[in-house]
Amino acid sequence: AAGKMWHSDCFVCAACGKPIDGDFAMLHGKPLHTACHLKDYGVLCAGCGRLIDGRADPGFVVAGDKSYHSACFKCAECGVSLAAGAPYHLVAGAAYCKLHDRRRKITRDKLKVNSTTGEEFYVEAGTGRKYRHAPTADGRGGKEYFEDAAPPALGGASTWRQDAP
């Protein structure tokens, strides 16, 4: 095995000391059970916490500084799989699909309510511009910016009581 001749009693796992009778890996010229090698030197999935075996899951995903089984790489918001090349964005170590990354950005904006009309609107973080959510031609929705109406003018002879002393 591994270009060397071994006595059957000597061909043991360097990690656990048990005989090797199946798949194995070599590390620094010493044989290890595949499971022992993965346990001691493998990478844990950031999604499920289990070991990633590149042979069993050749399409595992590395995103940022974390690794995932392909089945575990999902949007943190909706759980849709991101492993098949779907666009995603990492935010504080969590992956978001394109739709939920957009919504997450919107939620940074402040939701306000017009006290006179009860209409909800957002104030955009950073710019202070006001907008409403509005449908777009592609059906995804977007921002419809608006300005406040001018405040009503107060005063003037027509609003004063004429019979006051």
C-alpha atoms as a PDB file:
ATOM      1  CA  ALA A   1       0.000   0.000   0.000  1.00  0.00           C
ATOM      2  CA  ALA A   2       1.180   3.498  -0.876  1.00  0.00           C
ATOM      3  CA  GLY A   3       4.262   2.067  -2.623  1.00  0.00           C
ATOM      4  CA  LYS A   4       5.496   0.189   0.478  1.00  0.00           C
ATOM      5  CA  MET A   5       5.309  -3.350   1.726  1.00  0.00           C
ATOM      6  CA  TRP A   6       3.563  -3.771   5.089  1.00  0.00           C
ATOM      7  CA  HIS A   7       3.139  -6.680   7.473  1.00  0.00           C
ATOM      8  CA  SER A   8      -0.588  -7.140   7.980  1.00  0.00           C
ATOM      9  CA  ASP A   9      -0.076  -6.515  11.737  1.00  0.00           C
ATOM     10  CA  CYS A  10       1.813  -3.279  10.982  1.00  0.00           C
ATOM     11  CA  PHE A  11      -0.706  -1.823   8.555  1.00  0.00           C
ATOM     12  CA  VAL A  12      -2.692   0.017  11.231  1.00  0.00           C
ATOM     13  CA  CYS A  13      -4.239   3.457  11.441  1.00  0.00           C
ATOM     14  CA  ALA A  14      -1.816   6.029  12.848  1.00  0.00           C
ATOM     15  CA  ALA A  15      -4.730   7.770  14.592  1.00  0.00           C
ATOM     16  CA  CYS A  16      -6.692   4.937  16.239  1.00  0.00           C
ATOM     17  CA  GLY A  17      -4.244   2.002  16.053  1.00  0.00           C
ATOM     18  CA  LYS A  18      -6.802  -0.397  14.538  1.00  0.00           C
ATOM     19  CA  PRO A  19      -5.984  -2.494  11.450  1.00  0.00           C
ATOM     20  CA  ILE A  20      -6.810  -0.966   8.079  1.00  0.00           C
ATOM     21  CA  ASP A  21      -8.809  -3.269   5.861  1.00  0.00           C
ATOM     22  CA  GLY A  22     -10.520  -0.845   3.492  1.00  0.00           C
ATOM     23  CA  ASP A  23     -10.149   2.711   2.264  1.00  0.00           C
ATOM     24  CA  PHE A  24      -7.323   4.712   3.774  1.00  0.00           C
ATOM     25  CA  ALA A  25      -5.421   7.944   3.383  1.00  0.00           C
ATOM     26  CA  MET A  26      -1.713   8.615   3.813  1.00  0.00           C
ATOM     27  CA  LEU A  27      -0.518  11.499   5.943  1.00  0.00           C
ATOM     28  CA  HIS A  28       3.222  12.096   6.384  1.00  0.00           C
ATOM     29  CA  GLY A  29       3.887   8.539   5.224  1.00  0.00           C
ATOM     30  CA  LYS A  30       1.504   6.993   7.760  1.00  0.00           C
ATOM     31  CA  PRO A  31      -1.787   5.281   6.908  1.00  0.00           C
ATOM     32  CA  LEU A  32      -5.076   6.440   8.417  1.00  0.00           C
ATOM     33  CA  HIS A  33      -8.621   5.161   8.083  1.00  0.00           C
ATOM     34  CA  THR A  34     -10.523   7.539   5.863  1.00  0.00           C
ATOM     35  CA  ALA A  35     -12.918   8.256   8.743  1.00  0.00           C
ATOM     36  CA  CYS A  36     -10.022   8.974  11.140  1.00  0.00           C
ATOM     37  CA  HIS A  37      -8.402  11.261   8.598  1.00  0.00           C
ATOM     38  CA  LEU A  38     -11.650  13.187   8.118  1.00  0.00           C
ATOM     39  CA  LYS A  39     -12.291  13.357  11.865  1.00  0.00           C
ATOM     40  CA  ASP A  40      -8.836  14.718  12.660  1.00  0.00           C
ATOM     41  CA  TYR A  41      -8.092  16.740   9.528  1.00  0.00           C
ATOM     42  CA  GLY A  42     -11.417  17.170   7.775  1.00  0.00           C
ATOM     43  CA  VAL A  43     -13.527  20.249   7.363  1.00  0.00           C
ATOM     44  CA  LEU A  44     -16.833  20.723   9.156  1.00  0.00           C
ATOM     45  CA  CYS A  45     -19.890  21.935   7.285  1.00  0.00           C
ATOM     46  CA  ALA A  46     -20.989  25.374   8.490  1.00  0.00           C
ATOM     47  CA  GLY A  47     -24.599  24.391   7.753  1.00  0.00           C
ATOM     48  CA  CYS A  48     -25.025  21.082   9.592  1.00  0.00           C
ATOM     49  CA  GLY A  49     -21.796  20.704  11.582  1.00  0.00           C
ATOM     50  CA  ARG A  50     -20.953  17.300  10.075  1.00  0.00           C
ATOM     51  CA  LEU A  51     -17.728  16.441   8.284  1.00  0.00           C
ATOM     52  CA  ILE A  52     -17.398  17.148   4.585  1.00  0.00           C
ATOM     53  CA  ASP A  53     -16.101  14.177   2.633  1.00  0.00           C
ATOM     54  CA  GLY A  54     -15.042  15.499  -0.766  1.00  0.00           C
ATOM     55  CA  ARG A  55     -15.388  12.039  -2.292  1.00  0.00           C
ATOM     56  CA  ALA A  56     -19.004  11.661  -1.186  1.00  0.00           C
ATOM     57  CA  ASP A  57     -19.885  15.285  -2.005  1.00  0.00           C
ATOM     58  CA  PRO A  58     -17.541  16.471  -4.762  1.00  0.00           C
ATOM     59  CA  GLY A  59     -19.643  19.605  -5.250  1.00  0.00           C
ATOM     60  CA  PHE A  60     -19.136  20.980  -1.748  1.00  0.00           C
ATOM     61  CA  VAL A  61     -19.146  24.767  -1.544  1.00  0.00           C
ATOM     62  CA  VAL A  62     -16.662  27.193  -0.024  1.00  0.00           C
ATOM     63  CA  ALA A  63     -18.187  30.615   0.605  1.00  0.00           C
ATOM     64  CA  GLY A  64     -16.101  33.196   2.393  1.00  0.00           C
ATOM     65  CA  ASP A  65     -14.167  31.348   5.082  1.00  0.00           C
ATOM     66  CA  LYS A  66     -16.785  28.598   5.529  1.00  0.00           C
ATOM     67  CA  SER A  67     -17.383  25.272   3.798  1.00  0.00           C
ATOM     68  CA  TYR A  68     -20.759  23.598   3.195  1.00  0.00           C
ATOM     69  CA  HIS A  69     -22.132  20.327   1.865  1.00  0.00           C
ATOM     70  CA  SER A  70     -23.807  21.253  -1.416  1.00  0.00           C
ATOM     71  CA  ALA A  71     -27.187  20.327   0.133  1.00  0.00           C
ATOM     72  CA  CYS A  72     -26.517  22.597   3.146  1.00  0.00           C
ATOM     73  CA  PHE A  73     -25.616  25.785   1.266  1.00  0.00           C
ATOM     74  CA  LYS A  74     -28.938  27.618   1.437  1.00  0.00           C
ATOM     75  CA  CYS A  75     -30.349  31.114   1.760  1.00  0.00           C
ATOM     76  CA  ALA A  76     -30.424  32.084   5.431  1.00  0.00           C
ATOM     77  CA  GLU A  77     -33.875  33.611   4.932  1.00  0.00           C
ATOM     78  CA  CYS A  78     -35.891  31.205   2.756  1.00  0.00           C
ATOM     79  CA  GLY A  79     -33.770  28.030   2.595  1.00  0.00           C
ATOM     80  CA  VAL A  80     -33.550  27.839  -1.202  1.00  0.00           C
ATOM     81  CA  SER A  81     -30.455  25.950  -2.392  1.00  0.00           C
ATOM     82  CA  LEU A  82     -27.593  28.163  -3.536  1.00  0.00           C
ATOM     83  CA  ALA A  83     -25.225  25.358  -4.532  1.00  0.00           C
ATOM     84  CA  ALA A  84     -26.184  25.070  -8.205  1.00  0.00           C
ATOM     85  CA  GLY A  85     -24.604  28.381  -9.144  1.00  0.00           C
ATOM     86  CA  ALA A  86     -27.473  30.556  -7.928  1.00  0.00           C
ATOM     87  CA  PRO A  87     -26.403  34.136  -7.229  1.00  0.00           C
ATOM     88  CA  TYR A  88     -25.941  34.889  -3.546  1.00  0.00           C
ATOM     89  CA  HIS A  89     -24.459  37.504  -1.250  1.00  0.00           C
ATOM     90  CA  LEU A  90     -22.637  36.890   2.022  1.00  0.00           C
ATOM     91  CA  VAL A  91     -23.536  39.162   4.916  1.00  0.00           C
ATOM     92  CA  ALA A  92     -21.831  38.621   8.275  1.00  0.00           C
ATOM     93  CA  GLY A  93     -21.112  35.003   7.301  1.00  0.00           C
ATOM     94  CA  ALA A  94     -24.675  34.204   6.213  1.00  0.00           C
ATOM     95  CA  ALA A  95     -25.614  33.602   2.577  1.00  0.00           C
ATOM     96  CA  TYR A  96     -28.702  35.242   1.070  1.00  0.00           C
ATOM     97  CA  CYS A  97     -30.319  34.577  -2.301  1.00  0.00           C
ATOM     98  CA  LYS A  98     -30.682  37.536  -4.637  1.00  0.00           C
ATOM     99  CA  LEU A  99     -34.297  38.225  -3.596  1.00  0.00           C
ATOM    100  CA  HIS A 100     -33.662  38.143   0.152  1.00  0.00           C
ATOM    101  CA  ASP A 101     -30.428  40.100  -0.088  1.00  0.00           C
ATOM    102  CA  ARG A 102     -32.446  42.862  -1.761  1.00  0.00           C
ATOM    103  CA  ARG A 103     -35.132  42.675   0.934  1.00  0.00           C
ATOM    104  CA  ARG A 104     -32.500  42.625   3.672  1.00  0.00           C
ATOM    105  CA  LYS A 105     -31.033  45.825   2.269  1.00  0.00           C
ATOM    106  CA  ILE A 106     -34.473  47.421   2.221  1.00  0.00           C
ATOM    107  CA  THR A 107     -35.064  46.545   5.878  1.00  0.00           C
ATOM    108  CA  ARG A 108     -32.113  48.749   6.833  1.00  0.00           C
ATOM    109  CA  ASP A 109     -34.270  51.626   5.656  1.00  0.00           C
ATOM    110  CA  LYS A 110     -36.644  53.045   8.255  1.00  0.00           C
ATOM    111  CA  LEU A 111     -40.345  52.251   7.955  1.00  0.00           C
ATOM    112  CA  LYS A 112     -42.498  55.297   8.705  1.00  0.00           C
ATOM    113  CA  VAL A 113     -46.224  55.989   8.776  1.00  0.00           C
ATOM    114  CA  ASN A 114     -47.794  59.254   7.673  1.00  0.00           C
ATOM    115  CA  SER A 115     -49.804  60.302  10.740  1.00  0.00           C
ATOM    116  CA  THR A 116     -52.407  62.093   8.634  1.00  0.00           C
ATOM    117  CA  THR A 117     -53.081  59.497   5.923  1.00  0.00           C
ATOM    118  CA  GLY A 118     -51.836  56.289   7.582  1.00  0.00           C
ATOM    119  CA  GLU A 119     -49.756  55.509   4.486  1.00  0.00           C
ATOM    120  CA  GLU A 120     -46.568  53.492   5.057  1.00  0.00           C
ATOM    121  CA  PHE A 121     -43.325  54.599   3.417  1.00  0.00           C
ATOM    122  CA  TYR A 122     -39.602  54.083   3.877  1.00  0.00           C
ATOM    123  CA  VAL A 123     -36.794  56.546   4.476  1.00  0.00           C
ATOM    124  CA  GLU A 124     -33.706  55.349   2.630  1.00  0.00           C
ATOM    125  CA  ALA A 125     -30.667  54.813   4.838  1.00  0.00           C
ATOM    126  CA  GLY A 126     -27.849  57.150   3.878  1.00  0.00           C
ATOM    127  CA  THR A 127     -29.804  59.478   1.581  1.00  0.00           C
ATOM    128  CA  GLY A 128     -32.931  60.235   3.612  1.00  0.00           C
ATOM    129  CA  ARG A 129     -35.055  59.980   0.430  1.00  0.00           C
ATOM    130  CA  LYS A 130     -38.630  58.773   0.906  1.00  0.00           C
ATOM    131  CA  TYR A 131     -40.074  55.922  -1.179  1.00  0.00           C
ATOM    132  CA  ARG A 132     -42.900  53.404  -1.433  1.00  0.00           C
ATOM    133  CA  HIS A 133     -42.706  49.873  -2.788  1.00  0.00           C
ATOM    134  CA  ALA A 134     -44.154  49.835  -6.272  1.00  0.00           C
ATOM    135  CA  PRO A 135     -44.594  47.098  -8.894  1.00  0.00           C
ATOM    136  CA  THR A 136     -42.308  47.206 -11.923  1.00  0.00           C
ATOM    137  CA  ALA A 137     -42.749  45.841 -15.442  1.00  0.00           C
ATOM    138  CA  ASP A 138     -40.804  42.676 -14.583  1.00  0.00           C
ATOM    139  CA  GLY A 139     -43.029  42.028 -11.534  1.00  0.00           C
ATOM    140  CA  ARG A 140     -40.214  42.167  -8.979  1.00  0.00           C
ATOM    141  CA  GLY A 141     -41.073  45.521  -7.507  1.00  0.00           C
ATOM    142  CA  GLY A 142     -38.974  48.548  -6.866  1.00  0.00           C
ATOM    143  CA  LYS A 143     -38.784  51.892  -5.164  1.00  0.00           C
ATOM    144  CA  GLU A 144     -41.078  54.768  -6.087  1.00  0.00           C
ATOM    145  CA  TYR A 145     -39.501  57.928  -4.702  1.00  0.00           C
ATOM    146  CA  PHE A 146     -41.678  60.862  -3.694  1.00  0.00           C
ATOM    147  CA  GLU A 147     -41.489  64.204  -1.935  1.00  0.00           C
ATOM    148  CA  ASP A 148     -43.795  65.426   0.790  1.00  0.00           C
ATOM    149  CA  ALA A 149     -46.594  67.720  -0.297  1.00  0.00           C
ATOM    150  CA  ALA A 150     -46.120  71.323   0.728  1.00  0.00           C
ATOM    151  CA  PRO A 151     -47.613  71.979   4.166  1.00  0.00           C
ATOM    152  CA  PRO A 152     -50.892  73.879   4.083  1.00  0.00           C
ATOM    153  CA  ALA A 153     -50.519  77.629   4.316  1.00  0.00           C
ATOM    154  CA  LEU A 154     -51.804  79.009   7.592  1.00  0.00           C
ATOM    155  CA  GLY A 155     -53.075  82.454   8.289  1.00  0.00           C
ATOM    156  CA  GLY A 156     -54.544  85.047   5.978  1.00  0.00           C
ATOM    157  CA  ALA A 157     -57.649  87.183   6.390  1.00  0.00           C
ATOM    158  CA  SER A 158     -60.053  84.496   5.207  1.00  0.00           C
ATOM    159  CA  THR A 159     -59.168  82.217   8.129  1.00  0.00           C
ATOM    160  CA  TRP A 160     -59.520  84.829  10.868  1.00  0.00           C
ATOM    161  CA  ARG A 161     -62.686  85.605  12.691  1.00  0.00           C
ATOM    162  CA  GLN A 162     -64.037  88.928  11.565  1.00  0.00           C
ATOM    163  CA  ASP A 163     -66.234  89.465  14.604  1.00  0.00           C
ATOM    164  CA  ALA A 164     -63.454  89.264  17.170  1.00  0.00           C
ATOM    165  CA  PRO A 165     -62.980  92.386  19.312  1.00  0.00           C
END
